[in-house]
Protein backbone atom coordinates (compact mmCIF):
# COMPACT_ATOMS: atom_id res chain seq x y z
CA MET A 1 -27.23 202.58 28.92
CA LYS A 2 -24.41 204.76 27.66
CA GLY A 3 -21.59 203.54 25.49
CA LYS A 4 -17.93 204.10 26.22
CA CYS A 5 -15.39 206.63 25.05
CA ILE A 6 -12.29 204.72 23.96
CA ILE A 7 -9.02 206.20 22.69
CA LEU A 8 -7.21 203.72 20.46
CA PRO A 9 -3.40 203.52 20.22
CA GLY A 10 -1.95 205.08 17.08
CA ASP A 11 1.37 205.39 15.30
CA PRO A 12 2.85 208.85 16.04
CA ASN A 13 4.39 210.73 13.15
CA ASP A 14 6.33 213.42 14.96
CA ALA A 15 8.37 214.27 11.86
CA ASN A 16 5.26 215.35 9.95
CA ARG A 17 4.63 219.07 9.66
CA ASP A 18 1.79 219.05 7.15
CA TYR A 19 -1.44 220.70 8.22
CA LEU A 20 -3.38 217.60 7.20
CA PRO A 21 -1.18 214.72 5.99
CA GLU A 22 -3.09 212.80 3.30
CA ALA A 23 -1.48 209.52 4.42
CA ILE A 24 -3.39 209.69 7.68
CA LYS A 25 -6.69 208.88 5.94
CA GLY A 26 -7.72 205.33 6.80
CA SER A 27 -4.45 204.67 8.67
CA GLN A 28 -3.31 204.31 12.27
CA MET A 29 -1.19 207.47 12.04
CA VAL A 30 -1.65 210.19 14.65
CA VAL A 31 -0.13 213.68 14.63
CA ASN A 32 0.08 216.42 17.21
CA GLU A 33 0.23 220.21 16.85
CA ASN A 34 0.21 220.14 13.05
CA GLY A 35 -2.64 222.55 13.52
CA ASN A 36 -4.38 220.14 15.89
CA ASN A 37 -4.12 216.87 17.79
CA SER A 38 -5.55 213.78 16.14
CA GLN A 39 -7.11 210.45 17.04
CA VAL A 40 -6.86 207.20 15.06
CA TYR A 41 -9.01 207.27 11.89
CA PRO A 42 -12.45 205.98 12.98
CA GLN A 43 -13.31 202.63 11.43
CA ARG A 44 -17.02 203.43 11.23
CA LEU A 45 -16.49 206.70 9.31
CA THR A 46 -17.97 206.30 5.82
CA GLU A 47 -17.44 208.50 2.74
CA HIS A 48 -20.31 209.58 0.47
CA SER A 49 -20.56 211.67 -2.72
CA ASP A 50 -23.57 212.84 -4.71
CA VAL A 51 -25.03 215.80 -6.55
CA LEU A 52 -27.13 217.58 -3.94
CA LEU A 53 -27.90 220.76 -5.90
CA ASP A 54 -26.54 223.17 -8.52
CA GLY A 55 -25.11 220.27 -10.55
CA VAL A 56 -22.16 220.14 -8.16
CA LYS A 57 -20.92 216.83 -6.74
CA ASP A 58 -20.46 217.19 -2.99
CA THR A 59 -18.64 214.86 -0.61
CA TRP A 60 -19.36 214.21 3.03
CA PHE A 61 -18.56 211.71 5.76
CA GLU A 62 -21.04 210.03 8.11
CA TYR A 63 -20.37 208.50 11.49
CA VAL A 64 -23.06 206.21 12.91
CA PRO A 65 -22.31 204.64 16.30
CA ALA A 66 -22.68 200.89 16.75
CA SER A 67 -25.54 201.48 19.19
CA TYR A 68 -27.78 202.99 16.50
CA ASP A 69 -30.59 200.62 15.43
CA GLY A 70 -33.20 203.04 14.11
CA THR A 71 -35.77 202.26 16.79
CA LYS A 72 -35.58 205.69 18.40
CA LYS A 73 -34.71 209.16 17.20
CA VAL A 74 -31.19 210.40 17.91
CA PRO A 75 -29.51 213.83 17.70
CA LEU A 76 -27.49 214.92 14.65
CA VAL A 77 -24.23 216.90 14.93
CA ILE A 78 -22.77 218.55 11.83
CA SER A 79 -19.06 219.35 12.23
CA MET A 80 -17.39 221.77 9.81
CA HIS A 81 -13.71 221.51 8.94
CA GLY A 82 -11.20 224.34 8.83
CA GLY A 83 -9.78 225.93 5.70
CA LEU A 84 -7.58 223.57 3.63
CA MET A 85 -9.00 220.62 5.57
CA THR A 86 -11.61 217.94 4.83
CA GLY A 87 -14.57 216.30 6.53
CA TRP A 88 -12.49 213.28 7.46
CA GLY A 89 -9.79 215.62 8.76
CA GLN A 90 -12.32 217.24 11.07
CA ALA A 91 -13.37 213.77 12.23
CA ILE A 92 -9.85 212.85 13.38
CA TYR A 93 -9.07 216.30 14.79
CA THR A 94 -12.07 216.24 17.14
CA SER A 95 -13.58 213.83 19.66
CA TRP A 96 -17.05 213.92 18.06
CA THR A 97 -16.93 210.26 17.01
CA MET A 98 -15.93 209.15 20.50
CA VAL A 99 -18.67 211.22 22.12
CA ALA A 100 -21.12 209.82 19.54
CA ASP A 101 -20.16 206.31 20.64
CA ARG A 102 -20.86 207.26 24.25
CA GLU A 103 -24.09 209.21 23.69
CA GLY A 104 -25.54 207.45 20.64
CA PHE A 105 -25.92 210.38 18.20
CA ILE A 106 -24.93 210.60 14.52
CA VAL A 107 -22.24 212.95 13.20
CA LEU A 108 -21.99 214.44 9.72
CA PHE A 109 -18.68 215.84 8.44
CA PRO A 110 -19.21 217.71 5.11
CA ASN A 111 -16.49 218.78 2.70
CA ALA A 112 -16.39 222.35 1.42
CA SER A 113 -17.36 222.42 -2.24
CA GLU A 114 -14.44 224.48 -3.54
CA ARG A 115 -10.69 224.16 -2.89
CA ARG A 116 -11.28 223.04 0.69
CA PHE A 117 -12.51 226.56 1.53
CA TRP A 118 -16.07 227.25 2.63
CA ILE A 119 -18.04 229.91 0.80
CA VAL A 120 -18.36 232.53 3.52
CA GLU A 121 -19.31 236.17 3.58
CA TYR A 122 -16.53 238.61 4.12
CA ASP A 123 -15.82 242.20 5.05
CA LYS A 124 -16.74 244.00 1.84
CA ASP A 125 -13.90 246.51 2.25
CA ARG A 126 -11.31 243.71 2.18
CA LEU A 127 -13.02 241.26 -0.15
CA GLU A 128 -10.71 241.99 -3.07
CA TRP A 129 -7.65 241.21 -0.95
CA ALA A 130 -9.18 237.94 0.22
CA THR A 131 -10.12 236.72 -3.26
CA THR A 132 -7.14 237.97 -5.30
CA PRO A 133 -4.53 235.33 -6.26
CA THR A 134 -1.17 235.78 -4.57
CA GLU A 135 1.96 233.69 -4.26
CA ASN A 136 0.28 232.06 -1.27
CA GLY A 137 -2.92 231.32 -3.16
CA VAL A 138 -6.44 232.70 -2.90
CA TYR A 139 -7.68 233.04 0.67
CA LEU A 140 -11.45 232.83 0.12
CA ASN A 141 -14.07 231.83 -2.41
CA ARG A 142 -16.14 234.78 -3.55
CA PRO A 143 -19.58 234.59 -1.93
CA PRO A 144 -22.75 235.27 -3.95
CA GLU A 145 -24.52 238.59 -3.56
CA ASN A 146 -27.63 236.79 -2.35
CA PRO A 147 -26.88 234.53 0.65
CA ASP A 148 -29.77 232.30 -0.42
CA ASP A 149 -27.61 231.33 -3.40
CA ASN A 150 -24.70 230.16 -1.21
CA HIS A 151 -24.00 226.62 -2.38
CA ASP A 152 -22.32 225.43 0.80
CA MET A 153 -25.13 226.59 3.08
CA ASN A 154 -27.74 225.08 0.75
CA ALA A 155 -25.75 221.84 0.55
CA VAL A 156 -25.79 221.58 4.36
CA LEU A 157 -29.56 222.13 4.35
CA SER A 158 -29.89 219.37 1.76
CA LEU A 159 -27.69 217.05 3.80
CA ILE A 160 -29.76 217.67 6.92
CA GLN A 161 -32.87 216.65 4.97
CA ARG A 162 -31.08 213.59 3.59
CA MET A 163 -29.96 212.55 7.07
CA LYS A 164 -33.56 212.85 8.32
CA GLU A 165 -34.73 210.63 5.47
CA LYS A 166 -31.93 208.08 5.93
CA TYR A 167 -31.82 207.89 9.73
CA ALA A 168 -34.17 208.39 12.66
CA ILE A 169 -33.09 211.96 13.47
CA ASP A 170 -34.56 213.99 16.31
CA GLU A 171 -35.47 217.18 14.42
CA GLY A 172 -35.39 219.19 17.64
CA ARG A 173 -31.78 218.23 18.37
CA ILE A 174 -29.73 219.18 15.32
CA PHE A 175 -26.46 220.92 16.10
CA MET A 176 -23.51 222.43 14.23
CA GLN A 177 -19.89 222.96 15.27
CA GLY A 178 -16.87 224.18 13.33
CA MET A 179 -13.17 224.91 13.61
CA SER A 180 -11.41 228.01 12.25
CA MET A 181 -12.98 228.66 8.84
CA GLY A 182 -15.50 226.00 9.80
CA ASN A 183 -16.40 228.22 12.76
CA MET A 184 -16.90 231.14 10.36
CA MET A 185 -19.15 228.88 8.28
CA THR A 186 -21.05 227.72 11.37
CA SER A 187 -21.60 231.31 12.46
CA GLN A 188 -22.80 232.25 8.99
CA PHE A 189 -25.19 229.29 8.88
CA ALA A 190 -26.51 230.14 12.34
CA ARG A 191 -27.15 233.76 11.33
CA TYR A 192 -29.21 232.69 8.30
CA HIS A 193 -30.54 229.23 9.15
CA GLY A 194 -30.04 228.90 12.91
CA ASN A 195 -33.76 228.23 13.30
CA VAL A 196 -33.18 224.65 12.09
CA LEU A 197 -30.54 224.17 14.81
CA ALA A 198 -30.86 223.80 18.57
CA GLY A 199 -27.26 224.83 19.13
CA GLN A 200 -24.11 226.04 17.36
CA ALA A 201 -20.48 226.07 18.45
CA GLY A 202 -17.05 226.89 17.12
CA SER A 203 -13.36 227.10 17.96
CA GLY A 204 -11.01 229.73 16.52
CA GLY A 205 -12.09 231.62 13.41
CA PRO A 206 -14.20 234.50 14.78
CA THR A 207 -16.44 236.41 12.37
CA ALA A 208 -15.56 239.88 11.07
CA THR A 209 -17.57 242.35 13.13
CA SER A 210 -18.86 244.17 10.02
CA LEU A 211 -20.88 241.02 9.28
CA LEU A 212 -22.39 241.01 12.78
CA PHE A 213 -23.29 244.67 13.31
CA ASP A 214 -24.29 247.45 10.94
CA GLN A 215 -22.94 251.00 11.12
CA GLN A 216 -25.57 251.86 13.75
CA ASN A 217 -24.41 248.92 15.90
CA GLN A 218 -27.60 247.03 15.16
CA ILE A 219 -27.47 243.24 14.92
CA ILE A 220 -27.44 241.66 11.45
CA ASN A 221 -29.35 238.41 11.81
CA ARG A 222 -32.13 236.52 10.05
CA ALA A 223 -32.64 233.39 12.14
CA GLY A 224 -32.92 234.53 15.76
CA PRO A 225 -31.64 232.94 18.98
CA VAL A 226 -29.77 229.65 19.12
CA ALA A 227 -27.82 228.11 22.00
CA SER A 228 -24.23 229.16 21.31
CA TRP A 229 -20.69 228.22 22.25
CA GLN A 230 -17.46 230.07 21.48
CA SER A 231 -14.05 228.50 22.09
CA ARG A 232 -11.15 230.91 21.85
CA LEU A 233 -7.45 230.15 22.19
CA GLU A 234 -5.27 232.44 24.30
CA LEU A 235 -2.37 232.60 21.84
CA ASP A 236 -4.57 232.81 18.74
CA ARG A 237 -4.38 236.06 16.81
CA VAL A 238 -7.08 236.97 14.29
CA PRO A 239 -6.06 237.13 10.60
CA PRO A 240 -4.36 240.38 9.57
CA HIS A 241 -7.11 241.18 7.07
CA PHE A 242 -9.62 241.59 9.91
CA LYS A 243 -9.95 245.27 10.73
CA ASP A 244 -10.39 244.79 14.48
CA ASP A 245 -7.65 243.72 16.87
CA THR A 246 -7.96 240.35 18.54
CA ASP A 247 -9.33 241.57 21.88
CA GLU A 248 -12.01 243.64 20.16
CA ILE A 249 -13.16 240.96 17.75
CA VAL A 250 -13.35 238.34 20.51
CA ARG A 251 -15.43 240.72 22.62
CA ARG A 252 -17.74 241.70 19.76
CA ASN A 253 -18.34 238.11 18.67
CA ARG A 254 -19.36 237.30 22.24
CA GLU A 255 -21.51 240.43 22.48
CA TYR A 256 -23.36 239.46 19.30
CA TRP A 257 -24.78 236.22 20.69
CA LYS A 258 -25.31 237.72 24.13
CA ARG A 259 -27.61 240.31 22.62
CA ILE A 260 -29.47 237.86 20.39
CA ASN A 261 -29.93 235.27 23.15
CA GLY A 262 -30.83 237.79 25.86
CA CYS A 263 -27.82 237.09 28.09
CA ASP A 264 -28.05 240.14 30.35
CA ALA A 265 -27.15 238.60 33.71
CA LEU A 266 -23.69 238.25 35.21
CA PRO A 267 -21.93 235.12 33.90
CA GLN A 268 -20.77 232.32 36.14
CA ILE A 269 -17.04 231.77 35.80
CA LYS A 270 -15.28 228.45 36.09
CA ILE A 271 -11.54 227.94 35.60
CA VAL A 272 -10.22 224.39 35.75
CA GLY A 273 -6.63 223.90 34.70
CA GLU A 274 -6.23 225.52 31.28
CA ASP A 275 -9.99 225.71 30.60
CA ASN A 276 -11.57 229.11 31.28
CA PHE A 277 -15.40 229.12 31.09
CA ALA A 278 -17.99 231.89 31.33
CA PHE A 279 -21.55 230.52 31.47
CA TYR A 280 -24.26 232.97 30.39
CA GLN A 281 -27.94 232.37 31.11
CA GLY A 282 -30.17 233.88 28.42
CA THR A 283 -33.87 234.64 28.30
CA HIS A 284 -33.99 233.11 24.79
CA ALA A 285 -30.94 230.82 24.72
CA ASN A 286 -27.73 230.24 26.64
CA LEU A 287 -24.15 231.10 25.71
CA VAL A 288 -20.90 229.48 26.79
CA PHE A 289 -17.58 231.25 26.30
CA ARG A 290 -14.43 229.14 26.63
CA ASP A 291 -10.85 230.36 26.44
CA VAL A 292 -7.93 227.92 26.55
CA TYR A 293 -4.76 228.96 28.34
CA ASN A 294 -1.49 228.60 26.39
CA ARG A 295 -3.16 227.27 23.25
CA ASP A 296 -2.64 228.33 19.62
CA HIS A 297 -5.12 228.45 16.74
CA GLY A 298 -7.21 225.36 16.18
CA GLN A 299 -9.34 223.24 18.46
CA THR A 300 -8.52 221.03 21.41
CA LEU A 301 -9.29 217.35 21.03
CA ASP A 302 -11.73 217.50 23.93
CA ASP A 303 -13.58 220.56 22.64
CA ALA A 304 -16.38 218.43 21.15
CA GLU A 305 -17.00 216.62 24.41
CA LEU A 306 -17.10 219.87 26.37
CA VAL A 307 -19.55 221.40 23.87
CA TRP A 308 -21.81 218.38 24.18
CA ASP A 309 -21.60 218.00 27.95
CA TYR A 310 -22.03 221.68 28.85
CA LEU A 311 -24.44 222.86 26.13
CA PHE A 312 -25.76 220.56 23.39
CA SER A 313 -26.82 217.84 25.84
CA GLY A 314 -29.33 220.20 27.45
CA VAL A 315 -31.14 222.05 24.66
CA ARG A 316 -33.79 221.22 22.09
CA ARG A 317 -35.86 223.22 19.64
CA GLU A 318 -39.60 222.61 19.76
CA LYS A 319 -41.77 222.49 16.64
CA ASP A 320 -43.00 226.02 17.36
CA GLY A 321 -39.39 227.25 17.24
CA ARG A 322 -38.89 227.76 20.99
CA LEU A 323 -35.62 226.64 22.53
CA VAL A 324 -36.12 224.55 25.66
CA GLN A 325 -33.33 224.29 28.21
CA GLU A 326 -32.92 220.97 29.99
CA PRO A 327 -30.29 219.72 32.48
CA THR A 328 -26.90 219.23 30.85
CA LEU A 329 -24.50 216.37 31.51
CA ARG A 330 -22.19 218.81 33.27
CA PRO A 331 -23.84 221.66 35.18
CA ARG A 332 -23.06 225.16 33.92
CA THR A 333 -22.07 226.51 37.30
CA GLY A 334 -19.14 228.70 38.22
CA ASP A 335 -16.46 227.95 40.76
CA ALA A 336 -18.08 227.65 44.18
CA TYR A 337 -15.11 229.48 45.71
CA ALA A 338 -13.34 232.12 43.67
CA ILE A 339 -12.20 235.72 44.03
CA ALA A 340 -11.42 237.85 40.98
CA LEU A 341 -9.85 241.30 41.24
CA ALA A 342 -8.60 243.73 38.62
CA GLU A 343 -6.17 246.61 38.96
CA GLY A 344 -7.98 249.93 39.24
CA LYS A 345 -11.44 248.38 39.80
CA ASP A 346 -13.54 249.01 42.90
CA LYS A 347 -15.59 245.85 42.38
CA ALA A 348 -14.68 242.23 42.94
CA TYR A 349 -16.15 238.98 41.67
CA VAL A 350 -16.63 236.71 44.67
CA ASN A 351 -18.24 233.28 44.34
CA ASN A 352 -20.14 234.36 41.21
CA GLN A 353 -21.41 237.63 42.67
CA LEU A 354 -20.26 241.24 42.46
CA VAL A 355 -18.99 242.86 45.65
CA ALA A 356 -18.22 246.56 46.06
CA LEU A 357 -14.88 247.70 47.53
CA ARG A 358 -14.35 250.88 49.51
CA GLN A 359 -11.50 251.79 47.18
CA PRO A 360 -10.01 250.37 43.97
CA VAL A 361 -7.54 247.50 43.95
CA PHE A 362 -3.99 248.54 43.12
CA VAL A 363 -0.73 246.79 42.34
CA HIS A 364 2.12 247.55 44.73
CA LYS A 365 5.77 247.13 43.78
CA LYS A 366 8.12 245.52 46.24
CA LEU A 367 11.41 247.42 45.94
CA LYS A 368 14.99 246.52 46.79
CA TYR A 369 17.59 249.30 47.04
CA HIS A 370 21.18 248.39 46.23
CA GLY A 371 23.89 250.32 48.08
CA LEU A 372 24.20 254.02 48.72
CA GLU A 373 22.50 255.90 45.91
CA GLY A 374 21.87 252.53 44.25
CA ASP A 375 19.04 251.87 41.87
CA ALA A 376 15.76 250.48 43.12
CA LEU A 377 14.98 247.02 41.76
CA VAL A 378 11.44 245.67 41.57
CA ARG A 379 11.35 242.32 43.36
CA GLY A 380 7.68 241.69 42.89
CA GLU A 381 4.32 243.26 42.06
CA TYR A 382 1.32 242.34 44.20
CA PHE A 383 -2.41 243.01 44.20
CA MET A 384 -3.42 245.07 47.21
CA ALA A 385 -6.99 245.00 48.50
CA PRO A 386 -8.67 246.87 51.37
CA VAL A 387 -8.63 244.84 54.55
CA SER A 388 -12.39 245.37 54.91
CA PHE A 389 -12.94 243.56 51.61
CA ILE A 390 -10.55 240.76 52.55
CA ALA A 391 -12.52 240.20 55.73
CA GLN A 392 -15.81 240.14 53.83
CA ALA A 393 -14.55 237.81 51.07
CA LEU A 394 -13.03 235.34 53.52
CA GLY A 395 -15.88 235.46 56.04
CA ALA A 396 -13.56 236.88 58.70
CA THR A 397 -14.16 239.27 61.57
CA LEU A 398 -12.16 242.50 61.41
CA GLU A 399 -10.85 244.64 64.28
CA THR A 400 -8.84 247.81 63.70
CA SER A 401 -6.84 250.14 65.96
CA HIS A 402 -4.39 253.04 65.78
CA GLU A 403 -6.80 254.98 63.57
CA ASN A 404 -7.17 252.02 61.18
CA ARG A 405 -3.39 251.72 60.74
CA SER A 406 -3.39 248.34 62.47
CA ALA A 407 -5.80 245.49 61.71
CA THR A 408 -6.55 242.00 62.98
CA LEU A 409 -8.44 239.37 60.98
CA PHE A 410 -10.19 236.50 62.73
CA LEU A 411 -10.69 233.79 60.09
CA PRO A 412 -13.54 231.25 60.34
CA ASP A 413 -11.10 228.40 61.13
CA GLY A 414 -9.79 230.26 64.20
CA THR A 415 -6.64 231.65 62.59
CA THR A 416 -5.78 235.23 63.48
CA LEU A 417 -3.67 237.63 61.44
CA GLN A 418 -2.48 241.02 62.72
CA CYS A 419 -0.62 243.56 60.59
CA ALA A 420 0.16 247.28 60.58
CA GLN A 421 1.02 250.11 58.21
CA GLY A 422 4.50 250.02 56.69
CA SER A 423 5.51 246.57 57.93
CA ILE A 424 6.11 243.54 55.75
CA GLY A 425 5.66 241.46 58.86
CA CYS A 426 2.41 240.12 60.24
CA VAL A 427 1.54 238.03 63.29
CA VAL A 428 -0.26 234.76 62.62
CA GLN A 429 -1.19 232.69 65.67
CA ASN A 430 1.39 234.64 67.66
CA GLU A 431 4.15 233.88 65.14
CA ILE A 432 5.85 236.54 63.00
CA LEU A 433 5.71 235.94 59.24
CA SER A 434 6.84 238.05 56.30
CA MET A 435 4.25 238.87 53.66
CA TYR A 436 5.06 239.47 50.00
CA CYS A 437 5.25 243.20 50.64
CA GLU A 438 4.48 245.77 53.32
CA ALA A 439 0.99 246.78 54.38
CA VAL A 440 -0.03 250.09 52.75
CA PHE A 441 -2.29 252.69 54.34
CA ARG A 442 -4.37 254.39 51.65
CA ASN A 443 -7.55 256.48 51.78
CA GLY A 444 -8.00 255.84 55.48
CA GLU A 445 -7.76 252.06 55.29
CA LEU A 446 -5.08 249.41 55.47
CA CYS A 447 -4.47 247.50 52.23
CA LEU A 448 -2.84 244.05 52.21
CA PRO A 449 -1.40 241.63 49.62
CA ILE A 450 -4.50 239.44 49.29
CA GLU A 451 -2.79 236.76 47.24
CA TRP A 452 -0.28 236.12 50.06
CA ILE A 453 -3.07 235.77 52.62
CA CYS A 454 -5.08 233.39 50.45
CA LYS A 455 -2.10 231.29 49.38
CA ARG A 456 -0.30 231.10 52.73
CA LEU A 457 -3.22 230.81 55.13
CA LEU A 458 -5.91 229.18 52.97
CA HIS A 459 -3.69 227.23 50.55
CA ASN A 460 -5.48 228.80 47.59
CA HIS A 461 -4.25 228.80 44.02
CA ALA A 462 -3.47 232.24 42.58
CA THR A 463 -3.23 233.00 38.86
CA LYS A 464 -2.66 236.41 37.24
CA CYS A 465 -2.99 237.75 33.70
CA ASN A 466 -3.18 241.22 32.16
CA GLY A 467 -3.97 243.08 35.37
CA VAL A 468 -6.41 240.50 36.75
CA LEU A 469 -5.97 238.20 39.76
CA TYR A 470 -8.01 235.01 40.19
CA LEU A 471 -7.95 233.10 43.49
CA THR A 472 -9.58 229.71 43.95
CA ASP A 473 -9.21 226.43 45.81
CA HIS A 474 -8.07 224.29 42.86
CA ASP A 475 -5.64 224.29 39.95
CA ALA A 476 -6.46 227.12 37.55
CA ASP A 477 -4.60 229.05 34.83
CA LEU A 478 -6.21 232.38 34.01
CA SER A 479 -6.08 233.03 30.25
CA LEU A 480 -5.84 236.33 28.40
CA ASN A 481 -9.35 236.42 26.92
CA MET A 482 -10.91 235.47 30.26
CA ALA A 483 -8.85 238.13 32.05
CA ASN A 484 -10.16 240.70 29.57
CA LEU A 485 -13.73 239.44 30.08
CA ILE A 486 -13.44 239.75 33.87
CA ARG A 487 -11.85 243.20 33.80
CA ASP A 488 -13.86 244.87 31.04
CA GLU A 489 -17.23 243.13 31.28
CA VAL A 490 -17.72 241.71 34.76
CA LEU A 491 -15.89 244.37 36.79
CA GLN A 492 -16.58 247.27 34.42
């Protein structure tokens, strides 16, 4: 029997602007958008310190749900804090403890060993900049030449062993997740020691591409496949010391785990509200890409639950090293009804499958002319699709006349729509309606504003971003990184 997720009331401190207010530790204080959103400090979170290795005293925090009695093995999740944060800070800025209460697993929140920064590898060309003192401080700890000498990675390995000795841990279900610099640390750990994990996840903090690929574009990796999750935030921009721009580094980080995990098939896309998901099925391990509409750097409070429900809940690593996929709490399936189009592309993504168009989609400007010799004002820009595709996507029957300059659609519900070249009007059930813009005859076929048809006649939701249109039957906000994924990867 599952436990319950419970959110406790806290005392808001809206005046606080500190990244991690120290007064929040052990209190009822909650803060929002000081880098993240917080929950009340968990009562069962315990602090521990000891010398694990190298003569260095490390600190970590353990969360053991009330349901744990040691009679059966349970999963272990290790959650890595962001730069300038702490293990307890990561505990309150995520929902891992609440999900642990519901699912019965144990969570470990380590502290970085030095200055609240993890020891992570860095782009060698910019290492001096990152480790040189400035008026804003030093940005990174200098990593050792040999990654096997990395104290923080070795400390995590020691903690995993200690957790297995202290608790009944299912060795095949050990997972790691991190935020920002904690995501960089998680990625680094997965590249070197991912074979001890069943899954890894992170939000914000992508890895510099020079650490993922060599100059011949070959993968740099020592540990092999691992079930992976990447949460990106639409308004997040990568640090200025990264050589790549944001779009490129997001794409390359995703490509890295796609190649390692054997994710060659078309992803299934699901957009619900602000959450944009691409679910990749891999021959070795799965990958989930999540982008959050209208969100800045950090992690959403529900990110932990989504990671568990969509990925960690359905994967284990066998003793022989194989990753076994099992049913997850939430199925990794795309939207059952969705149409994605991109300007200039002659393919469409319809209900998780690619469909070819007779000609590329284009954006048509609706113009308004003011007075004699007046300027033309743009009153709207609309995605135009060939009527043959619209009929196919909507399951309609198409009849054309006047050398294809007039068309009639017979929709499955009995609705009929007739339109003709050059007219903004159309006839629906023998009534005249105005579309967003006029029908355009191009390359021998009539092209119509598909978003008007889907919204007006089918009551669909339409969302647009960066030259991509997404139509579905529920609330959805297409985000920038997902728009780029659809345009450049799916509809390439």
